[in-house]
Amino acid sequence: HVSGLDVDLTVVATGHVPPAEAVSRRAGLGEAASVALSAVSDADTIRAAVGAEHGRFARLARTVKAWARAKGLDAAPLGGLPGLAWTVLAARTVLDAGGDPDLLRRFFSTWAACDWRDPVTLTPAAAPAPMTVTTPMTAMTVMTPSAPVRNCARQVTPGGLDLLTQELYQAWELTEDGRSAELPTPPPLHRRHAAWAVLTVRAERGEELDAMIGRVRGRMLELLASLEEAGTPDAHAWPHPYERGPRQARYAIGLGRTPLAAARLSEITGRWAGAMPGVTVERADGGAVPTLTAGTFLQDTPPPGL
């Protein structure tokens, strides 16, 4: 946590390559190291692309990311879009905007109506660069701006894409009607989900809790895939704990409008959580889970001044 920001640190072994040359020579360091180091080249590529529009781009990106967080769409380990994908979408909006003064409205109108079968790239191109990190067919594709080129939206399921599109359309309507102040309103989760899977993580010692939560988040896509296969395509794992103490955290997974029966859910979650001591999942009716929020919504300047 630096200057009020959460910062992820990754250690990359560069071997015989001098650290100062690691980013430019990352292709020779193996796939994992190359992907990690591309965080630097991705940022450099985006900054170069937006050029003199960097100020407007930065304000748009911050506002959009805060909106995505408020809607529970911002966590890649839980089926949402990572920060890089939102950044690429914001930068592409700026690059295509011309003289449009209302970037926020343009962002939501553009991506709400997007045909996600077509890969989205940072800059318009006749054909996107071929992926150098291959992935199976996915519901949507947002390409990273630098090598190794890969789809940073590969974890989004068809159900997740439906939810994303729904939220984008609602945000578009708000900006069209001059109601941008309502963008951070929490989503109507209790109308979308008739029941919940309440996931509890308990640690013997407080210092173990963050590591346990990390393991749970790392396996969440597996659980969501199992729920989808069982007939719950609209399951939505809320990324933020609604209860957090020194040794315990509790999360809610919405089970959609036609949730699984308790016995079937227990069968699925029992297999999933079996190898993670201290992790339990229980079914709860709609009213048993409090209103879920993501905390403070950040917006530098009120639209349409973006």
Protein backbone atom coordinates (compact mmCIF):
# COMPACT_ATOMS: atom_id res chain seq x y z
CA HIS A 1 0.00 0.00 0.00
CA VAL A 2 1.80 3.10 -1.26
CA SER A 3 0.45 6.67 -1.13
CA GLY A 4 -3.10 5.42 -0.75
CA LEU A 5 -2.83 2.92 -3.61
CA ASP A 6 -2.72 -0.87 -3.56
CA VAL A 7 0.36 -1.98 -5.50
CA ASP A 8 1.03 -5.53 -6.71
CA LEU A 9 4.68 -6.54 -6.70
CA THR A 10 6.04 -9.40 -8.79
CA VAL A 11 9.59 -10.74 -8.58
CA VAL A 12 10.99 -11.84 -11.95
CA ALA A 13 14.25 -13.74 -12.27
CA THR A 14 16.19 -12.29 -15.21
CA GLY A 15 19.10 -14.74 -15.20
CA HIS A 16 21.94 -13.49 -17.37
CA VAL A 17 19.93 -10.52 -18.66
CA PRO A 18 20.74 -7.23 -16.87
CA PRO A 19 17.62 -5.98 -15.01
CA ALA A 20 17.69 -2.70 -16.95
CA GLU A 21 17.28 -4.68 -20.20
CA ALA A 22 14.76 -7.22 -18.90
CA VAL A 23 11.65 -5.56 -20.35
CA SER A 24 13.04 -5.13 -23.86
CA ARG A 25 14.51 -8.66 -23.84
CA ARG A 26 11.63 -10.37 -22.03
CA ALA A 27 10.83 -12.73 -24.90
CA GLY A 28 13.93 -14.75 -24.10
CA LEU A 29 13.10 -15.20 -20.41
CA GLY A 30 10.23 -17.67 -20.76
CA GLU A 31 6.48 -17.19 -20.93
CA ALA A 32 5.83 -16.48 -17.23
CA ALA A 33 8.57 -13.87 -16.96
CA SER A 34 7.61 -12.34 -20.30
CA VAL A 35 3.97 -11.94 -19.23
CA ALA A 36 4.97 -10.40 -15.89
CA LEU A 37 7.36 -7.92 -17.49
CA SER A 38 4.81 -6.98 -20.13
CA ALA A 39 2.99 -5.01 -17.43
CA VAL A 40 5.68 -2.36 -17.96
CA SER A 41 5.53 -2.47 -21.76
CA ASP A 42 1.71 -2.47 -21.72
CA ALA A 43 1.72 0.74 -19.67
CA ASP A 44 4.34 2.34 -21.92
CA THR A 45 2.40 1.39 -25.05
CA ILE A 46 -0.85 2.85 -23.73
CA ARG A 47 0.81 6.09 -22.61
CA ALA A 48 2.42 6.49 -26.02
CA ALA A 49 -0.87 5.79 -27.81
CA VAL A 50 -2.94 8.39 -25.93
CA GLY A 51 -0.16 10.99 -26.12
CA ALA A 52 -1.38 14.51 -25.41
CA GLU A 53 -4.78 13.14 -24.34
CA HIS A 54 -3.24 11.45 -21.31
CA GLY A 55 -5.01 13.69 -18.80
CA ARG A 56 -8.49 12.97 -20.18
CA PHE A 57 -7.62 9.30 -20.59
CA ALA A 58 -6.45 9.00 -16.97
CA ARG A 59 -9.63 10.60 -15.63
CA LEU A 60 -11.80 8.35 -17.77
CA ALA A 61 -9.90 5.20 -16.79
CA ARG A 62 -10.14 6.01 -13.07
CA THR A 63 -13.86 6.72 -13.28
CA VAL A 64 -14.59 3.58 -15.31
CA LYS A 65 -12.56 1.35 -13.00
CA ALA A 66 -14.34 2.78 -9.96
CA TRP A 67 -17.70 2.13 -11.67
CA ALA A 68 -16.67 -1.45 -12.46
CA ARG A 69 -15.65 -1.95 -8.84
CA ALA A 70 -19.00 -0.60 -7.63
CA LYS A 71 -20.77 -3.12 -9.89
CA GLY A 72 -18.56 -6.09 -8.93
CA LEU A 73 -17.12 -6.43 -12.45
CA ASP A 74 -13.48 -5.69 -11.71
CA ALA A 75 -11.98 -8.96 -10.46
CA ALA A 76 -10.48 -11.27 -13.08
CA PRO A 77 -10.05 -14.19 -10.62
CA LEU A 78 -13.81 -14.10 -10.10
CA GLY A 79 -14.79 -13.85 -13.77
CA GLY A 80 -14.61 -10.07 -14.21
CA LEU A 81 -12.33 -7.90 -16.30
CA PRO A 82 -8.85 -7.02 -15.00
CA GLY A 83 -7.61 -3.46 -14.73
CA LEU A 84 -5.63 -3.82 -17.95
CA ALA A 85 -8.77 -4.62 -19.95
CA TRP A 86 -10.63 -1.60 -18.57
CA THR A 87 -7.57 0.54 -19.33
CA VAL A 88 -7.43 -0.67 -22.94
CA LEU A 89 -11.15 0.02 -23.39
CA ALA A 90 -10.74 3.52 -21.94
CA ALA A 91 -7.72 4.28 -24.12
CA ARG A 92 -9.48 3.02 -27.26
CA THR A 93 -12.44 5.26 -26.41
CA VAL A 94 -10.15 8.29 -26.22
CA LEU A 95 -8.37 7.41 -29.46
CA ASP A 96 -11.68 7.03 -31.33
CA ALA A 97 -13.39 10.04 -29.74
CA GLY A 98 -12.19 12.78 -32.05
CA GLY A 99 -13.59 16.01 -30.64
CA ASP A 100 -16.29 14.37 -28.50
CA PRO A 101 -16.22 16.22 -25.16
CA ASP A 102 -18.21 13.58 -23.27
CA LEU A 103 -15.85 10.64 -23.00
CA LEU A 104 -17.81 8.86 -20.27
CA ARG A 105 -21.01 8.75 -22.31
CA ARG A 106 -19.00 7.66 -25.34
CA PHE A 107 -17.31 4.89 -23.34
CA PHE A 108 -20.57 3.32 -22.24
CA SER A 109 -22.37 3.77 -25.57
CA THR A 110 -19.46 2.24 -27.49
CA TRP A 111 -18.95 -0.84 -25.35
CA ALA A 112 -22.61 -1.48 -24.57
CA ALA A 113 -23.24 -1.91 -28.31
CA CYS A 114 -19.99 -3.76 -29.02
CA ASP A 115 -19.99 -7.08 -30.86
CA TRP A 116 -17.62 -8.89 -28.53
CA ARG A 117 -17.06 -11.64 -31.08
CA ASP A 118 -14.62 -9.21 -32.68
CA PRO A 119 -11.34 -8.81 -30.76
CA VAL A 120 -10.82 -5.38 -29.22
CA THR A 121 -7.35 -3.88 -29.62
CA LEU A 122 -5.75 -0.69 -28.35
CA THR A 123 -5.67 0.89 -31.79
CA PRO A 124 -7.81 0.24 -34.86
CA ALA A 125 -6.25 -2.31 -37.19
CA ALA A 126 -7.27 -4.29 -40.23
CA ALA A 127 -6.53 -7.45 -38.25
CA PRO A 128 -5.38 -7.88 -34.65
CA ALA A 129 -1.91 -9.23 -34.01
CA PRO A 130 -1.89 -13.00 -33.56
CA MET A 131 -1.92 -14.12 -29.96
CA THR A 132 1.43 -15.42 -28.76
CA VAL A 133 -0.17 -16.93 -25.65
CA THR A 134 -2.99 -19.13 -26.92
CA THR A 135 -6.23 -19.68 -25.00
CA PRO A 136 -9.43 -21.64 -25.73
CA MET A 137 -12.38 -19.94 -27.41
CA THR A 138 -13.88 -17.36 -25.05
CA ALA A 139 -16.97 -15.14 -24.81
CA MET A 140 -15.04 -11.91 -25.37
CA THR A 141 -11.55 -10.87 -26.40
CA VAL A 142 -9.62 -7.79 -25.29
CA MET A 143 -6.05 -7.99 -26.54
CA THR A 144 -3.08 -6.85 -24.51
CA PRO A 145 -1.29 -3.92 -26.17
CA SER A 146 2.21 -5.41 -26.15
CA ALA A 147 3.88 -8.80 -26.50
CA PRO A 148 3.27 -11.48 -25.50
CA VAL A 149 -0.11 -10.71 -27.05
CA ARG A 150 -2.92 -12.48 -25.22
CA ASN A 151 -6.59 -12.18 -24.37
CA CYS A 152 -6.94 -10.51 -20.99
CA ALA A 153 -10.71 -11.19 -20.96
CA ARG A 154 -10.42 -14.96 -21.36
CA GLN A 155 -11.99 -15.66 -17.95
CA VAL A 156 -15.32 -13.99 -18.81
CA THR A 157 -18.07 -16.58 -19.32
CA PRO A 158 -21.16 -16.13 -21.53
CA GLY A 159 -23.17 -15.44 -18.38
CA GLY A 160 -20.57 -12.95 -17.23
CA LEU A 161 -20.69 -11.21 -20.61
CA ASP A 162 -24.49 -10.94 -20.35
CA LEU A 163 -24.10 -9.26 -16.96
CA LEU A 164 -21.38 -6.94 -18.23
CA THR A 165 -23.49 -5.92 -21.23
CA GLN A 166 -26.51 -5.29 -19.02
CA GLU A 167 -24.50 -3.00 -16.72
CA LEU A 168 -22.95 -1.14 -19.67
CA TYR A 169 -26.38 -0.47 -21.17
CA GLN A 170 -27.74 0.80 -17.87
CA ALA A 171 -24.72 3.09 -17.47
CA TRP A 172 -25.20 4.35 -21.03
CA GLU A 173 -28.81 5.25 -20.24
CA LEU A 174 -27.72 7.14 -17.12
CA THR A 175 -25.12 9.18 -18.98
CA GLU A 176 -27.55 9.92 -21.83
CA ASP A 177 -30.13 11.19 -19.33
CA GLY A 178 -27.67 13.37 -17.43
CA ARG A 179 -27.78 11.08 -14.38
CA SER A 180 -24.11 10.18 -14.16
CA ALA A 181 -24.18 10.81 -10.41
CA GLU A 182 -26.12 7.53 -10.13
CA LEU A 183 -23.35 5.45 -11.70
CA PRO A 184 -21.92 4.26 -8.34
CA THR A 185 -25.29 2.93 -7.15
CA PRO A 186 -24.84 -0.70 -5.99
CA PRO A 187 -26.42 -3.21 -8.38
CA PRO A 188 -29.80 -4.76 -7.44
CA LEU A 189 -28.22 -8.06 -6.44
CA HIS A 190 -31.13 -9.21 -4.29
CA ARG A 191 -33.45 -8.90 -7.29
CA ARG A 192 -31.03 -10.83 -9.49
CA HIS A 193 -30.35 -13.69 -7.09
CA ALA A 194 -32.97 -15.74 -5.27
CA ALA A 195 -30.35 -17.47 -3.13
CA TRP A 196 -26.66 -17.29 -2.27
CA ALA A 197 -23.68 -19.49 -1.67
CA VAL A 198 -22.01 -17.97 1.40
CA LEU A 199 -18.29 -18.70 1.33
CA THR A 200 -16.46 -18.44 4.65
CA VAL A 201 -12.68 -18.48 5.03
CA ARG A 202 -11.41 -19.13 8.57
CA ALA A 203 -7.74 -19.05 9.56
CA GLU A 204 -6.18 -20.49 12.72
CA ARG A 205 -3.85 -17.50 12.86
CA GLY A 206 -4.58 -14.01 11.60
CA GLU A 207 -1.46 -13.84 9.47
CA GLU A 208 -2.68 -16.84 7.43
CA LEU A 209 -5.97 -15.27 6.34
CA ASP A 210 -4.71 -13.30 3.34
CA ALA A 211 -2.90 -16.36 1.96
CA MET A 212 -6.04 -18.48 2.36
CA ILE A 213 -8.16 -15.85 0.61
CA GLY A 214 -5.61 -15.82 -2.21
CA ARG A 215 -5.99 -19.58 -2.67
CA VAL A 216 -9.77 -19.30 -2.69
CA ARG A 217 -9.74 -16.51 -5.28
CA GLY A 218 -7.29 -18.51 -7.37
CA ARG A 219 -9.80 -21.36 -7.60
CA MET A 220 -13.00 -19.34 -7.91
CA LEU A 221 -13.25 -19.67 -11.69
CA GLU A 222 -13.31 -23.45 -11.22
CA LEU A 223 -16.30 -23.15 -8.89
CA LEU A 224 -18.14 -20.76 -11.21
CA ALA A 225 -17.57 -23.15 -14.13
CA SER A 226 -19.03 -26.02 -12.09
CA LEU A 227 -22.08 -23.94 -11.20
CA GLU A 228 -22.57 -23.02 -14.85
CA GLU A 229 -22.33 -26.67 -15.91
CA ALA A 230 -24.95 -27.51 -13.28
CA GLY A 231 -27.40 -25.01 -14.78
CA THR A 232 -26.52 -21.69 -13.11
CA PRO A 233 -25.06 -19.52 -15.90
CA ASP A 234 -25.98 -16.29 -14.08
CA ALA A 235 -23.99 -16.99 -10.90
CA HIS A 236 -22.01 -13.93 -9.82
CA ALA A 237 -19.26 -14.03 -7.22
CA TRP A 238 -19.22 -10.65 -5.47
CA PRO A 239 -15.50 -9.75 -5.33
CA HIS A 240 -15.55 -7.95 -1.98
CA PRO A 241 -16.06 -9.56 1.44
CA TYR A 242 -19.22 -8.44 3.20
CA GLU A 243 -17.74 -9.48 6.53
CA ARG A 244 -14.07 -9.33 7.50
CA GLY A 245 -12.34 -9.91 10.84
CA PRO A 246 -8.82 -10.74 12.01
CA ARG A 247 -9.26 -14.46 11.28
CA GLN A 248 -12.35 -14.72 9.10
CA ALA A 249 -13.76 -13.34 5.87
CA ARG A 250 -17.13 -14.03 4.31
CA TYR A 251 -18.08 -13.68 0.63
CA ALA A 252 -21.36 -14.06 -1.25
CA ILE A 253 -21.92 -15.81 -4.56
CA GLY A 254 -25.26 -15.02 -6.16
CA LEU A 255 -26.95 -18.14 -7.53
CA GLY A 256 -29.21 -16.45 -10.08
CA ARG A 257 -32.97 -16.43 -10.50
CA THR A 258 -33.33 -20.23 -10.43
CA PRO A 259 -30.75 -21.34 -7.85
CA LEU A 260 -29.62 -24.88 -7.32
CA ALA A 261 -31.19 -26.93 -4.57
CA ALA A 262 -29.21 -27.12 -1.34
CA ALA A 263 -28.18 -30.75 -1.83
CA ARG A 264 -26.85 -30.18 -5.36
CA LEU A 265 -25.01 -27.04 -4.30
CA SER A 266 -23.46 -28.86 -1.35
CA GLU A 267 -22.25 -31.62 -3.66
CA ILE A 268 -20.53 -29.13 -5.98
CA THR A 269 -19.03 -26.90 -3.31
CA GLY A 270 -17.97 -29.85 -1.18
CA ARG A 271 -15.79 -31.19 -3.98
CA TRP A 272 -14.41 -27.72 -4.66
CA ALA A 273 -13.58 -26.79 -1.06
CA GLY A 274 -12.49 -30.24 0.06
CA ALA A 275 -8.77 -29.57 -0.43
CA MET A 276 -8.90 -26.19 1.33
CA PRO A 277 -9.12 -26.58 5.12
CA GLY A 278 -10.92 -23.69 6.78
CA VAL A 279 -13.11 -22.98 3.73
CA THR A 280 -16.83 -23.69 3.91
CA VAL A 281 -19.76 -22.91 1.61
CA GLU A 282 -23.38 -22.80 2.75
CA ARG A 283 -26.60 -21.99 0.92
CA ALA A 284 -28.56 -18.98 2.14
CA ASP A 285 -31.89 -17.52 1.09
CA GLY A 286 -31.97 -14.10 -0.54
CA GLY A 287 -32.62 -12.02 2.56
CA ALA A 288 -29.89 -13.68 4.62
CA VAL A 289 -27.13 -11.72 2.88
CA PRO A 290 -26.87 -7.96 3.51
CA THR A 291 -26.69 -5.33 0.77
CA LEU A 292 -23.35 -5.78 -0.96
CA THR A 293 -21.21 -2.75 -1.74
CA ALA A 294 -17.65 -2.10 -2.82
CA GLY A 295 -16.89 0.99 -0.75
CA THR A 296 -16.04 4.43 -2.00
CA PHE A 297 -16.70 5.37 -5.63
CA LEU A 298 -13.97 7.66 -6.96
CA GLN A 299 -14.70 10.23 -9.63
CA ASP A 300 -12.23 13.05 -10.22
CA THR A 301 -14.56 15.39 -12.09
CA PRO A 302 -18.27 15.12 -12.83
CA PRO A 303 -19.03 14.06 -16.41
CA PRO A 304 -19.35 15.25 -19.11
CA GLY A 305 -16.17 17.15 -18.28
CA LEU A 306 -14.01 14.11 -18.96
